[in-house]
């Protein structure tokens, strides 16, 4: 259910560790 909005031009999420995005049906 998380809602993530990105602002700014060419915004990047850079992951050197780990990212987990897990929703449900």
PDBML (XML) file of the C-alpha atoms, coordinates in Angstrom:
<?xml version="1.0" encoding="UTF-8" ?>
<PDBx:datablock datablockName="MODEL"
   xmlns:PDBx="http://pdbml.pdb.org/schema/pdbx-v50.xsd"
   xmlns:xsi="http://www.w3.org/2001/XMLSchema-instance"
   xsi:schemaLocation="http://pdbml.pdb.org/schema/pdbx-v50.xsd pdbx-v50.xsd">
   <PDBx:atom_siteCategory>
      <PDBx:atom_site id="1">
         <PDBx:B_iso_or_equiv>0.00</PDBx:B_iso_or_equiv>
         <PDBx:Cartn_x>0.000</PDBx:Cartn_x>
         <PDBx:Cartn_y>0.000</PDBx:Cartn_y>
         <PDBx:Cartn_z>0.000</PDBx:Cartn_z>
         <PDBx:auth_asym_id>A</PDBx:auth_asym_id>
         <PDBx:auth_atom_id>CA</PDBx:auth_atom_id>
         <PDBx:auth_comp_id>UNK</PDBx:auth_comp_id>
         <PDBx:auth_seq_id>1</PDBx:auth_seq_id>
         <PDBx:group_PDB>ATOM</PDBx:group_PDB>
         <PDBx:label_alt_id xsi:nil="true" />
         <PDBx:label_asym_id>A</PDBx:label_asym_id>
         <PDBx:label_atom_id>CA</PDBx:label_atom_id>
         <PDBx:label_comp_id>UNK</PDBx:label_comp_id>
         <PDBx:label_entity_id>1</PDBx:label_entity_id>
         <PDBx:label_seq_id>1</PDBx:label_seq_id>
         <PDBx:occupancy>1.00</PDBx:occupancy>
         <PDBx:pdbx_PDB_model_num>1</PDBx:pdbx_PDB_model_num>
         <PDBx:type_symbol>C</PDBx:type_symbol>
      </PDBx:atom_site>
      <PDBx:atom_site id="2">
         <PDBx:B_iso_or_equiv>0.00</PDBx:B_iso_or_equiv>
         <PDBx:Cartn_x>2.961</PDBx:Cartn_x>
         <PDBx:Cartn_y>2.394</PDBx:Cartn_y>
         <PDBx:Cartn_z>0.019</PDBx:Cartn_z>
         <PDBx:auth_asym_id>A</PDBx:auth_asym_id>
         <PDBx:auth_atom_id>CA</PDBx:auth_atom_id>
         <PDBx:auth_comp_id>UNK</PDBx:auth_comp_id>
         <PDBx:auth_seq_id>2</PDBx:auth_seq_id>
         <PDBx:group_PDB>ATOM</PDBx:group_PDB>
         <PDBx:label_alt_id xsi:nil="true" />
         <PDBx:label_asym_id>A</PDBx:label_asym_id>
         <PDBx:label_atom_id>CA</PDBx:label_atom_id>
         <PDBx:label_comp_id>UNK</PDBx:label_comp_id>
         <PDBx:label_entity_id>1</PDBx:label_entity_id>
         <PDBx:label_seq_id>2</PDBx:label_seq_id>
         <PDBx:occupancy>1.00</PDBx:occupancy>
         <PDBx:pdbx_PDB_model_num>1</PDBx:pdbx_PDB_model_num>
         <PDBx:type_symbol>C</PDBx:type_symbol>
      </PDBx:atom_site>
      <PDBx:atom_site id="3">
         <PDBx:B_iso_or_equiv>0.00</PDBx:B_iso_or_equiv>
         <PDBx:Cartn_x>2.578</PDBx:Cartn_x>
         <PDBx:Cartn_y>5.271</PDBx:Cartn_y>
         <PDBx:Cartn_z>-2.435</PDBx:Cartn_z>
         <PDBx:auth_asym_id>A</PDBx:auth_asym_id>
         <PDBx:auth_atom_id>CA</PDBx:auth_atom_id>
         <PDBx:auth_comp_id>UNK</PDBx:auth_comp_id>
         <PDBx:auth_seq_id>3</PDBx:auth_seq_id>
         <PDBx:group_PDB>ATOM</PDBx:group_PDB>
         <PDBx:label_alt_id xsi:nil="true" />
         <PDBx:label_asym_id>A</PDBx:label_asym_id>
         <PDBx:label_atom_id>CA</PDBx:label_atom_id>
         <PDBx:label_comp_id>UNK</PDBx:label_comp_id>
         <PDBx:label_entity_id>1</PDBx:label_entity_id>
         <PDBx:label_seq_id>3</PDBx:label_seq_id>
         <PDBx:occupancy>1.00</PDBx:occupancy>
         <PDBx:pdbx_PDB_model_num>1</PDBx:pdbx_PDB_model_num>
         <PDBx:type_symbol>C</PDBx:type_symbol>
      </PDBx:atom_site>
      <PDBx:atom_site id="4">
         <PDBx:B_iso_or_equiv>0.00</PDBx:B_iso_or_equiv>
         <PDBx:Cartn_x>5.893</PDBx:Cartn_x>
         <PDBx:Cartn_y>6.797</PDBx:Cartn_y>
         <PDBx:Cartn_z>-3.528</PDBx:Cartn_z>
         <PDBx:auth_asym_id>A</PDBx:auth_asym_id>
         <PDBx:auth_atom_id>CA</PDBx:auth_atom_id>
         <PDBx:auth_comp_id>UNK</PDBx:auth_comp_id>
         <PDBx:auth_seq_id>4</PDBx:auth_seq_id>
         <PDBx:group_PDB>ATOM</PDBx:group_PDB>
         <PDBx:label_alt_id xsi:nil="true" />
         <PDBx:label_asym_id>A</PDBx:label_asym_id>
         <PDBx:label_atom_id>CA</PDBx:label_atom_id>
         <PDBx:label_comp_id>UNK</PDBx:label_comp_id>
         <PDBx:label_entity_id>1</PDBx:label_entity_id>
         <PDBx:label_seq_id>4</PDBx:label_seq_id>
         <PDBx:occupancy>1.00</PDBx:occupancy>
         <PDBx:pdbx_PDB_model_num>1</PDBx:pdbx_PDB_model_num>
         <PDBx:type_symbol>C</PDBx:type_symbol>
      </PDBx:atom_site>
      <PDBx:atom_site id="5">
         <PDBx:B_iso_or_equiv>0.00</PDBx:B_iso_or_equiv>
         <PDBx:Cartn_x>5.923</PDBx:Cartn_x>
         <PDBx:Cartn_y>10.023</PDBx:Cartn_y>
         <PDBx:Cartn_z>-5.552</PDBx:Cartn_z>
         <PDBx:auth_asym_id>A</PDBx:auth_asym_id>
         <PDBx:auth_atom_id>CA</PDBx:auth_atom_id>
         <PDBx:auth_comp_id>UNK</PDBx:auth_comp_id>
         <PDBx:auth_seq_id>5</PDBx:auth_seq_id>
         <PDBx:group_PDB>ATOM</PDBx:group_PDB>
         <PDBx:label_alt_id xsi:nil="true" />
         <PDBx:label_asym_id>A</PDBx:label_asym_id>
         <PDBx:label_atom_id>CA</PDBx:label_atom_id>
         <PDBx:label_comp_id>UNK</PDBx:label_comp_id>
         <PDBx:label_entity_id>1</PDBx:label_entity_id>
         <PDBx:label_seq_id>5</PDBx:label_seq_id>
         <PDBx:occupancy>1.00</PDBx:occupancy>
         <PDBx:pdbx_PDB_model_num>1</PDBx:pdbx_PDB_model_num>
         <PDBx:type_symbol>C</PDBx:type_symbol>
      </PDBx:atom_site>
      <PDBx:atom_site id="6">
         <PDBx:B_iso_or_equiv>0.00</PDBx:B_iso_or_equiv>
         <PDBx:Cartn_x>9.098</PDBx:Cartn_x>
         <PDBx:Cartn_y>11.297</PDBx:Cartn_y>
         <PDBx:Cartn_z>-7.199</PDBx:Cartn_z>
         <PDBx:auth_asym_id>A</PDBx:auth_asym_id>
         <PDBx:auth_atom_id>CA</PDBx:auth_atom_id>
         <PDBx:auth_comp_id>UNK</PDBx:auth_comp_id>
         <PDBx:auth_seq_id>6</PDBx:auth_seq_id>
         <PDBx:group_PDB>ATOM</PDBx:group_PDB>
         <PDBx:label_alt_id xsi:nil="true" />
         <PDBx:label_asym_id>A</PDBx:label_asym_id>
         <PDBx:label_atom_id>CA</PDBx:label_atom_id>
         <PDBx:label_comp_id>UNK</PDBx:label_comp_id>
         <PDBx:label_entity_id>1</PDBx:label_entity_id>
         <PDBx:label_seq_id>6</PDBx:label_seq_id>
         <PDBx:occupancy>1.00</PDBx:occupancy>
         <PDBx:pdbx_PDB_model_num>1</PDBx:pdbx_PDB_model_num>
         <PDBx:type_symbol>C</PDBx:type_symbol>
      </PDBx:atom_site>
      <PDBx:atom_site id="7">
         <PDBx:B_iso_or_equiv>0.00</PDBx:B_iso_or_equiv>
         <PDBx:Cartn_x>9.748</PDBx:Cartn_x>
         <PDBx:Cartn_y>14.983</PDBx:Cartn_y>
         <PDBx:Cartn_z>-7.799</PDBx:Cartn_z>
         <PDBx:auth_asym_id>A</PDBx:auth_asym_id>
         <PDBx:auth_atom_id>CA</PDBx:auth_atom_id>
         <PDBx:auth_comp_id>UNK</PDBx:auth_comp_id>
         <PDBx:auth_seq_id>7</PDBx:auth_seq_id>
         <PDBx:group_PDB>ATOM</PDBx:group_PDB>
         <PDBx:label_alt_id xsi:nil="true" />
         <PDBx:label_asym_id>A</PDBx:label_asym_id>
         <PDBx:label_atom_id>CA</PDBx:label_atom_id>
         <PDBx:label_comp_id>UNK</PDBx:label_comp_id>
         <PDBx:label_entity_id>1</PDBx:label_entity_id>
         <PDBx:label_seq_id>7</PDBx:label_seq_id>
         <PDBx:occupancy>1.00</PDBx:occupancy>
         <PDBx:pdbx_PDB_model_num>1</PDBx:pdbx_PDB_model_num>
         <PDBx:type_symbol>C</PDBx:type_symbol>
      </PDBx:atom_site>
      <PDBx:atom_site id="8">
         <PDBx:B_iso_or_equiv>0.00</PDBx:B_iso_or_equiv>
         <PDBx:Cartn_x>12.646</PDBx:Cartn_x>
         <PDBx:Cartn_y>16.784</PDBx:Cartn_y>
         <PDBx:Cartn_z>-9.436</PDBx:Cartn_z>
         <PDBx:auth_asym_id>A</PDBx:auth_asym_id>
         <PDBx:auth_atom_id>CA</PDBx:auth_atom_id>
         <PDBx:auth_comp_id>UNK</PDBx:auth_comp_id>
         <PDBx:auth_seq_id>8</PDBx:auth_seq_id>
         <PDBx:group_PDB>ATOM</PDBx:group_PDB>
         <PDBx:label_alt_id xsi:nil="true" />
         <PDBx:label_asym_id>A</PDBx:label_asym_id>
         <PDBx:label_atom_id>CA</PDBx:label_atom_id>
         <PDBx:label_comp_id>UNK</PDBx:label_comp_id>
         <PDBx:label_entity_id>1</PDBx:label_entity_id>
         <PDBx:label_seq_id>8</PDBx:label_seq_id>
         <PDBx:occupancy>1.00</PDBx:occupancy>
         <PDBx:pdbx_PDB_model_num>1</PDBx:pdbx_PDB_model_num>
         <PDBx:type_symbol>C</PDBx:type_symbol>
      </PDBx:atom_site>
      <PDBx:atom_site id="9">
         <PDBx:B_iso_or_equiv>0.00</PDBx:B_iso_or_equiv>
         <PDBx:Cartn_x>14.073</PDBx:Cartn_x>
         <PDBx:Cartn_y>16.196</PDBx:Cartn_y>
         <PDBx:Cartn_z>-12.896</PDBx:Cartn_z>
         <PDBx:auth_asym_id>A</PDBx:auth_asym_id>
         <PDBx:auth_atom_id>CA</PDBx:auth_atom_id>
         <PDBx:auth_comp_id>UNK</PDBx:auth_comp_id>
         <PDBx:auth_seq_id>9</PDBx:auth_seq_id>
         <PDBx:group_PDB>ATOM</PDBx:group_PDB>
         <PDBx:label_alt_id xsi:nil="true" />
         <PDBx:label_asym_id>A</PDBx:label_asym_id>
         <PDBx:label_atom_id>CA</PDBx:label_atom_id>
         <PDBx:label_comp_id>UNK</PDBx:label_comp_id>
         <PDBx:label_entity_id>1</PDBx:label_entity_id>
         <PDBx:label_seq_id>9</PDBx:label_seq_id>
         <PDBx:occupancy>1.00</PDBx:occupancy>
         <PDBx:pdbx_PDB_model_num>1</PDBx:pdbx_PDB_model_num>
         <PDBx:type_symbol>C</PDBx:type_symbol>
      </PDBx:atom_site>
      <PDBx:atom_site id="10">
         <PDBx:B_iso_or_equiv>0.00</PDBx:B_iso_or_equiv>
         <PDBx:Cartn_x>15.598</PDBx:Cartn_x>
         <PDBx:Cartn_y>12.778</PDBx:Cartn_y>
         <PDBx:Cartn_z>-13.539</PDBx:Cartn_z>
         <PDBx:auth_asym_id>A</PDBx:auth_asym_id>
         <PDBx:auth_atom_id>CA</PDBx:auth_atom_id>
         <PDBx:auth_comp_id>UNK</PDBx:auth_comp_id>
         <PDBx:auth_seq_id>10</PDBx:auth_seq_id>
         <PDBx:group_PDB>ATOM</PDBx:group_PDB>
         <PDBx:label_alt_id xsi:nil="true" />
         <PDBx:label_asym_id>A</PDBx:label_asym_id>
         <PDBx:label_atom_id>CA</PDBx:label_atom_id>
         <PDBx:label_comp_id>UNK</PDBx:label_comp_id>
         <PDBx:label_entity_id>1</PDBx:label_entity_id>
         <PDBx:label_seq_id>10</PDBx:label_seq_id>
         <PDBx:occupancy>1.00</PDBx:occupancy>
         <PDBx:pdbx_PDB_model_num>1</PDBx:pdbx_PDB_model_num>
         <PDBx:type_symbol>C</PDBx:type_symbol>
      </PDBx:atom_site>
      <PDBx:atom_site id="11">
         <PDBx:B_iso_or_equiv>0.00</PDBx:B_iso_or_equiv>
         <PDBx:Cartn_x>15.428</PDBx:Cartn_x>
         <PDBx:Cartn_y>11.726</PDBx:Cartn_y>
         <PDBx:Cartn_z>-9.904</PDBx:Cartn_z>
         <PDBx:auth_asym_id>A</PDBx:auth_asym_id>
         <PDBx:auth_atom_id>CA</PDBx:auth_atom_id>
         <PDBx:auth_comp_id>UNK</PDBx:auth_comp_id>
         <PDBx:auth_seq_id>11</PDBx:auth_seq_id>
         <PDBx:group_PDB>ATOM</PDBx:group_PDB>
         <PDBx:label_alt_id xsi:nil="true" />
         <PDBx:label_asym_id>A</PDBx:label_asym_id>
         <PDBx:label_atom_id>CA</PDBx:label_atom_id>
         <PDBx:label_comp_id>UNK</PDBx:label_comp_id>
         <PDBx:label_entity_id>1</PDBx:label_entity_id>
         <PDBx:label_seq_id>11</PDBx:label_seq_id>
         <PDBx:occupancy>1.00</PDBx:occupancy>
         <PDBx:pdbx_PDB_model_num>1</PDBx:pdbx_PDB_model_num>
         <PDBx:type_symbol>C</PDBx:type_symbol>
      </PDBx:atom_site>
      <PDBx:atom_site id="12">
         <PDBx:B_iso_or_equiv>0.00</PDBx:B_iso_or_equiv>
         <PDBx:Cartn_x>17.185</PDBx:Cartn_x>
         <PDBx:Cartn_y>8.407</PDBx:Cartn_y>
         <PDBx:Cartn_z>-9.278</PDBx:Cartn_z>
         <PDBx:auth_asym_id>A</PDBx:auth_asym_id>
         <PDBx:auth_atom_id>CA</PDBx:auth_atom_id>
         <PDBx:auth_comp_id>UNK</PDBx:auth_comp_id>
         <PDBx:auth_seq_id>12</PDBx:auth_seq_id>
         <PDBx:group_PDB>ATOM</PDBx:group_PDB>
         <PDBx:label_alt_id xsi:nil="true" />
         <PDBx:label_asym_id>A</PDBx:label_asym_id>
         <PDBx:label_atom_id>CA</PDBx:label_atom_id>
         <PDBx:label_comp_id>UNK</PDBx:label_comp_id>
         <PDBx:label_entity_id>1</PDBx:label_entity_id>
         <PDBx:label_seq_id>12</PDBx:label_seq_id>
         <PDBx:occupancy>1.00</PDBx:occupancy>
         <PDBx:pdbx_PDB_model_num>1</PDBx:pdbx_PDB_model_num>
         <PDBx:type_symbol>C</PDBx:type_symbol>
      </PDBx:atom_site>
      <PDBx:atom_site id="13">
         <PDBx:B_iso_or_equiv>0.00</PDBx:B_iso_or_equiv>
         <PDBx:Cartn_x>17.081</PDBx:Cartn_x>
         <PDBx:Cartn_y>5.900</PDBx:Cartn_y>
         <PDBx:Cartn_z>-6.423</PDBx:Cartn_z>
         <PDBx:auth_asym_id>A</PDBx:auth_asym_id>
         <PDBx:auth_atom_id>CA</PDBx:auth_atom_id>
         <PDBx:auth_comp_id>UNK</PDBx:auth_comp_id>
         <PDBx:auth_seq_id>13</PDBx:auth_seq_id>
         <PDBx:group_PDB>ATOM</PDBx:group_PDB>
         <PDBx:label_alt_id xsi:nil="true" />
         <PDBx:label_asym_id>A</PDBx:label_asym_id>
         <PDBx:label_atom_id>CA</PDBx:label_atom_id>
         <PDBx:label_comp_id>UNK</PDBx:label_comp_id>
         <PDBx:label_entity_id>1</PDBx:label_entity_id>
         <PDBx:label_seq_id>13</PDBx:label_seq_id>
         <PDBx:occupancy>1.00</PDBx:occupancy>
         <PDBx:pdbx_PDB_model_num>1</PDBx:pdbx_PDB_model_num>
         <PDBx:type_symbol>C</PDBx:type_symbol>
      </PDBx:atom_site>
      <PDBx:atom_site id="14">
         <PDBx:B_iso_or_equiv>0.00</PDBx:B_iso_or_equiv>
         <PDBx:Cartn_x>20.582</PDBx:Cartn_x>
         <PDBx:Cartn_y>4.358</PDBx:Cartn_y>
         <PDBx:Cartn_z>-6.421</PDBx:Cartn_z>
         <PDBx:auth_asym_id>A</PDBx:auth_asym_id>
         <PDBx:auth_atom_id>CA</PDBx:auth_atom_id>
         <PDBx:auth_comp_id>UNK</PDBx:auth_comp_id>
         <PDBx:auth_seq_id>14</PDBx:auth_seq_id>
         <PDBx:group_PDB>ATOM</PDBx:group_PDB>
         <PDBx:label_alt_id xsi:nil="true" />
         <PDBx:label_asym_id>A</PDBx:label_asym_id>
         <PDBx:label_atom_id>CA</PDBx:label_atom_id>
         <PDBx:label_comp_id>UNK</PDBx:label_comp_id>
         <PDBx:label_entity_id>1</PDBx:label_entity_id>
         <PDBx:label_seq_id>14</PDBx:label_seq_id>
         <PDBx:occupancy>1.00</PDBx:occupancy>
         <PDBx:pdbx_PDB_model_num>1</PDBx:pdbx_PDB_model_num>
         <PDBx:type_symbol>C</PDBx:type_symbol>
      </PDBx:atom_site>
      <PDBx:atom_site id="15">
         <PDBx:B_iso_or_equiv>0.00</PDBx:B_iso_or_equiv>
         <PDBx:Cartn_x>20.950</PDBx:Cartn_x>
         <PDBx:Cartn_y>1.131</PDBx:Cartn_y>
         <PDBx:Cartn_z>-4.480</PDBx:Cartn_z>
         <PDBx:auth_asym_id>A</PDBx:auth_asym_id>
         <PDBx:auth_atom_id>CA</PDBx:auth_atom_id>
         <PDBx:auth_comp_id>UNK</PDBx:auth_comp_id>
         <PDBx:auth_seq_id>15</PDBx:auth_seq_id>
         <PDBx:group_PDB>ATOM</PDBx:group_PDB>
         <PDBx:label_alt_id xsi:nil="true" />
         <PDBx:label_asym_id>A</PDBx:label_asym_id>
         <PDBx:label_atom_id>CA</PDBx:label_atom_id>
         <PDBx:label_comp_id>UNK</PDBx:label_comp_id>
         <PDBx:label_entity_id>1</PDBx:label_entity_id>
         <PDBx:label_seq_id>15</PDBx:label_seq_id>
         <PDBx:occupancy>1.00</PDBx:occupancy>
         <PDBx:pdbx_PDB_model_num>1</PDBx:pdbx_PDB_model_num>
         <PDBx:type_symbol>C</PDBx:type_symbol>
      </PDBx:atom_site>
      <PDBx:atom_site id="16">
         <PDBx:B_iso_or_equiv>0.00</PDBx:B_iso_or_equiv>
         <PDBx:Cartn_x>24.379</PDBx:Cartn_x>
         <PDBx:Cartn_y>-0.001</PDBx:Cartn_y>
         <PDBx:Cartn_z>-3.271</PDBx:Cartn_z>
         <PDBx:auth_asym_id>A</PDBx:auth_asym_id>
         <PDBx:auth_atom_id>CA</PDBx:auth_atom_id>
         <PDBx:auth_comp_id>UNK</PDBx:auth_comp_id>
         <PDBx:auth_seq_id>16</PDBx:auth_seq_id>
         <PDBx:group_PDB>ATOM</PDBx:group_PDB>
         <PDBx:label_alt_id xsi:nil="true" />
         <PDBx:label_asym_id>A</PDBx:label_asym_id>
         <PDBx:label_atom_id>CA</PDBx:label_atom_id>
         <PDBx:label_comp_id>UNK</PDBx:label_comp_id>
         <PDBx:label_entity_id>1</PDBx:label_entity_id>
         <PDBx:label_seq_id>16</PDBx:label_seq_id>
         <PDBx:occupancy>1.00</PDBx:occupancy>
         <PDBx:pdbx_PDB_model_num>1</PDBx:pdbx_PDB_model_num>
         <PDBx:type_symbol>C</PDBx:type_symbol>
      </PDBx:atom_site>
      <PDBx:atom_site id="17">
         <PDBx:B_iso_or_equiv>0.00</PDBx:B_iso_or_equiv>
         <PDBx:Cartn_x>22.748</PDBx:Cartn_x>
         <PDBx:Cartn_y>-2.021</PDBx:Cartn_y>
         <PDBx:Cartn_z>-0.498</PDBx:Cartn_z>
         <PDBx:auth_asym_id>A</PDBx:auth_asym_id>
         <PDBx:auth_atom_id>CA</PDBx:auth_atom_id>
         <PDBx:auth_comp_id>UNK</PDBx:auth_comp_id>
         <PDBx:auth_seq_id>17</PDBx:auth_seq_id>
         <PDBx:group_PDB>ATOM</PDBx:group_PDB>
         <PDBx:label_alt_id xsi:nil="true" />
         <PDBx:label_asym_id>A</PDBx:label_asym_id>
         <PDBx:label_atom_id>CA</PDBx:label_atom_id>
         <PDBx:label_comp_id>UNK</PDBx:label_comp_id>
         <PDBx:label_entity_id>1</PDBx:label_entity_id>
         <PDBx:label_seq_id>17</PDBx:label_seq_id>
         <PDBx:occupancy>1.00</PDBx:occupancy>
         <PDBx:pdbx_PDB_model_num>1</PDBx:pdbx_PDB_model_num>
         <PDBx:type_symbol>C</PDBx:type_symbol>
      </PDBx:atom_site>
      <PDBx:atom_site id="18">
         <PDBx:B_iso_or_equiv>0.00</PDBx:B_iso_or_equiv>
         <PDBx:Cartn_x>19.339</PDBx:Cartn_x>
         <PDBx:Cartn_y>-3.613</PDBx:Cartn_y>
         <PDBx:Cartn_z>-0.961</PDBx:Cartn_z>
         <PDBx:auth_asym_id>A</PDBx:auth_asym_id>
         <PDBx:auth_atom_id>CA</PDBx:auth_atom_id>
         <PDBx:auth_comp_id>UNK</PDBx:auth_comp_id>
         <PDBx:auth_seq_id>18</PDBx:auth_seq_id>
         <PDBx:group_PDB>ATOM</PDBx:group_PDB>
         <PDBx:label_alt_id xsi:nil="true" />
         <PDBx:label_asym_id>A</PDBx:label_asym_id>
         <PDBx:label_atom_id>CA</PDBx:label_atom_id>
         <PDBx:label_comp_id>UNK</PDBx:label_comp_id>
         <PDBx:label_entity_id>1</PDBx:label_entity_id>
         <PDBx:label_seq_id>18</PDBx:label_seq_id>
         <PDBx:occupancy>1.00</PDBx:occupancy>
         <PDBx:pdbx_PDB_model_num>1</PDBx:pdbx_PDB_model_num>
         <PDBx:type_symbol>C</PDBx:type_symbol>
      </PDBx:atom_site>
      <PDBx:atom_site id="19">
         <PDBx:B_iso_or_equiv>0.00</PDBx:B_iso_or_equiv>
         <PDBx:Cartn_x>15.846</PDBx:Cartn_x>
         <PDBx:Cartn_y>-2.372</PDBx:Cartn_y>
         <PDBx:Cartn_z>-1.767</PDBx:Cartn_z>
         <PDBx:auth_asym_id>A</PDBx:auth_asym_id>
         <PDBx:auth_atom_id>CA</PDBx:auth_atom_id>
         <PDBx:auth_comp_id>UNK</PDBx:auth_comp_id>
         <PDBx:auth_seq_id>19</PDBx:auth_seq_id>
         <PDBx:group_PDB>ATOM</PDBx:group_PDB>
         <PDBx:label_alt_id xsi:nil="true" />
         <PDBx:label_asym_id>A</PDBx:label_asym_id>
         <PDBx:label_atom_id>CA</PDBx:label_atom_id>
         <PDBx:label_comp_id>UNK</PDBx:label_comp_id>
         <PDBx:label_entity_id>1</PDBx:label_entity_id>
         <PDBx:label_seq_id>19</PDBx:label_seq_id>
         <PDBx:occupancy>1.00</PDBx:occupancy>
         <PDBx:pdbx_PDB_model_num>1</PDBx:pdbx_PDB_model_num>
         <PDBx:type_symbol>C</PDBx:type_symbol>
      </PDBx:atom_site>
      <PDBx:atom_site id="20">
         <PDBx:B_iso_or_equiv>0.00</PDBx:B_iso_or_equiv>
         <PDBx:Cartn_x>12.704</PDBx:Cartn_x>
         <PDBx:Cartn_y>-4.376</PDBx:Cartn_y>
         <PDBx:Cartn_z>-1.047</PDBx:Cartn_z>
         <PDBx:auth_asym_id>A</PDBx:auth_asym_id>
         <PDBx:auth_atom_id>CA</PDBx:auth_atom_id>
         <PDBx:auth_comp_id>UNK</PDBx:auth_comp_id>
         <PDBx:auth_seq_id>20</PDBx:auth_seq_id>
         <PDBx:group_PDB>ATOM</PDBx:group_PDB>
         <PDBx:label_alt_id xsi:nil="true" />
         <PDBx:label_asym_id>A</PDBx:label_asym_id>
         <PDBx:label_atom_id>CA</PDBx:label_atom_id>
         <PDBx:label_comp_id>UNK</PDBx:label_comp_id>
         <PDBx:label_entity_id>1</PDBx:label_entity_id>
         <PDBx:label_seq_id>20</PDBx:label_seq_id>
         <PDBx:occupancy>1.00</PDBx:occupancy>
         <PDBx:pdbx_PDB_model_num>1</PDBx:pdbx_PDB_model_num>
         <PDBx:type_symbol>C</PDBx:type_symbol>
      </PDBx:atom_site>
      <PDBx:atom_site id="21">
         <PDBx:B_iso_or_equiv>0.00</PDBx:B_iso_or_equiv>
         <PDBx:Cartn_x>9.330</PDBx:Cartn_x>
         <PDBx:Cartn_y>-3.216</PDBx:Cartn_y>
         <PDBx:Cartn_z>-2.369</PDBx:Cartn_z>
         <PDBx:auth_asym_id>A</PDBx:auth_asym_id>
         <PDBx:auth_atom_id>CA</PDBx:auth_atom_id>
         <PDBx:auth_comp_id>UNK</PDBx:auth_comp_id>
         <PDBx:auth_seq_id>21</PDBx:auth_seq_id>
         <PDBx:group_PDB>ATOM</PDBx:group_PDB>
         <PDBx:label_alt_id xsi:nil="true" />
         <PDBx:label_asym_id>A</PDBx:label_asym_id>
         <PDBx:label_atom_id>CA</PDBx:label_atom_id>
         <PDBx:label_comp_id>UNK</PDBx:label_comp_id>
         <PDBx:label_entity_id>1</PDBx:label_entity_id>
         <PDBx:label_seq_id>21</PDBx:label_seq_id>
         <PDBx:occupancy>1.00</PDBx:occupancy>
         <PDBx:pdbx_PDB_model_num>1</PDBx:pdbx_PDB_model_num>
         <PDBx:type_symbol>C</PDBx:type_symbol>
      </PDBx:atom_site>
      <PDBx:atom_site id="22">
         <PDBx:B_iso_or_equiv>0.00</PDBx:B_iso_or_equiv>
         <PDBx:Cartn_x>6.693</PDBx:Cartn_x>
         <PDBx:Cartn_y>-5.815</PDBx:Cartn_y>
         <PDBx:Cartn_z>-1.592</PDBx:Cartn_z>
         <PDBx:auth_asym_id>A</PDBx:auth_asym_id>
         <PDBx:auth_atom_id>CA</PDBx:auth_atom_id>
         <PDBx:auth_comp_id>UNK</PDBx:auth_comp_id>
         <PDBx:auth_seq_id>22</PDBx:auth_seq_id>
         <PDBx:group_PDB>ATOM</PDBx:group_PDB>
         <PDBx:label_alt_id xsi:nil="true" />
         <PDBx:label_asym_id>A</PDBx:label_asym_id>
         <PDBx:label_atom_id>CA</PDBx:label_atom_id>
         <PDBx:label_comp_id>UNK</PDBx:label_comp_id>
         <PDBx:label_entity_id>1</PDBx:label_entity_id>
         <PDBx:label_seq_id>22</PDBx:label_seq_id>
         <PDBx:occupancy>1.00</PDBx:occupancy>
         <PDBx:pdbx_PDB_model_num>1</PDBx:pdbx_PDB_model_num>
         <PDBx:type_symbol>C</PDBx:type_symbol>
      </PDBx:atom_site>
      <PDBx:atom_site id="23">
         <PDBx:B_iso_or_equiv>0.00</PDBx:B_iso_or_equiv>
         <PDBx:Cartn_x>2.993</PDBx:Cartn_x>
         <PDBx:Cartn_y>-5.194</PDBx:Cartn_y>
         <PDBx:Cartn_z>-2.002</PDBx:Cartn_z>
         <PDBx:auth_asym_id>A</PDBx:auth_asym_id>
         <PDBx:auth_atom_id>CA</PDBx:auth_atom_id>
         <PDBx:auth_comp_id>UNK</PDBx:auth_comp_id>
         <PDBx:auth_seq_id>23</PDBx:auth_seq_id>
         <PDBx:group_PDB>ATOM</PDBx:group_PDB>
         <PDBx:label_alt_id xsi:nil="true" />
         <PDBx:label_asym_id>A</PDBx:label_asym_id>
         <PDBx:label_atom_id>CA</PDBx:label_atom_id>
         <PDBx:label_comp_id>UNK</PDBx:label_comp_id>
         <PDBx:label_entity_id>1</PDBx:label_entity_id>
         <PDBx:label_seq_id>23</PDBx:label_seq_id>
         <PDBx:occupancy>1.00</PDBx:occupancy>
         <PDBx:pdbx_PDB_model_num>1</PDBx:pdbx_PDB_model_num>
         <PDBx:type_symbol>C</PDBx:type_symbol>
      </PDBx:atom_site>
      <PDBx:atom_site id="24">
         <PDBx:B_iso_or_equiv>0.00</PDBx:B_iso_or_equiv>
         <PDBx:Cartn_x>0.086</PDBx:Cartn_x>
         <PDBx:Cartn_y>-7.591</PDBx:Cartn_y>
         <PDBx:Cartn_z>-2.170</PDBx:Cartn_z>
         <PDBx:auth_asym_id>A</PDBx:auth_asym_id>
         <PDBx:auth_atom_id>CA</PDBx:auth_atom_id>
         <PDBx:auth_comp_id>UNK</PDBx:auth_comp_id>
         <PDBx:auth_seq_id>24</PDBx:auth_seq_id>
         <PDBx:group_PDB>ATOM</PDBx:group_PDB>
         <PDBx:label_alt_id xsi:nil="true" />
         <PDBx:label_asym_id>A</PDBx:label_asym_id>
         <PDBx:label_atom_id>CA</PDBx:label_atom_id>
         <PDBx:label_comp_id>UNK</PDBx:label_comp_id>
         <PDBx:label_entity_id>1</PDBx:label_entity_id>
         <PDBx:label_seq_id>24</PDBx:label_seq_id>
         <PDBx:occupancy>1.00</PDBx:occupancy>
         <PDBx:pdbx_PDB_model_num>1</PDBx:pdbx_PDB_model_num>
         <PDBx:type_symbol>C</PDBx:type_symbol>
      </PDBx:atom_site>
      <PDBx:atom_site id="25">
         <PDBx:B_iso_or_equiv>0.00</PDBx:B_iso_or_equiv>
         <PDBx:Cartn_x>-2.552</PDBx:Cartn_x>
         <PDBx:Cartn_y>-8.365</PDBx:Cartn_y>
         <PDBx:Cartn_z>-4.794</PDBx:Cartn_z>
         <PDBx:auth_asym_id>A</PDBx:auth_asym_id>
         <PDBx:auth_atom_id>CA</PDBx:auth_atom_id>
         <PDBx:auth_comp_id>UNK</PDBx:auth_comp_id>
         <PDBx:auth_seq_id>25</PDBx:auth_seq_id>
         <PDBx:group_PDB>ATOM</PDBx:group_PDB>
         <PDBx:label_alt_id xsi:nil="true" />
         <PDBx:label_asym_id>A</PDBx:label_asym_id>
         <PDBx:label_atom_id>CA</PDBx:label_atom_id>
         <PDBx:label_comp_id>UNK</PDBx:label_comp_id>
         <PDBx:label_entity_id>1</PDBx:label_entity_id>
         <PDBx:label_seq_id>25</PDBx:label_seq_id>
         <PDBx:occupancy>1.00</PDBx:occupancy>
         <PDBx:pdbx_PDB_model_num>1</PDBx:pdbx_PDB_model_num>
         <PDBx:type_symbol>C</PDBx:type_symbol>
      </PDBx:atom_site>
   </PDBx:atom_siteCategory>
</PDBx:datablock>
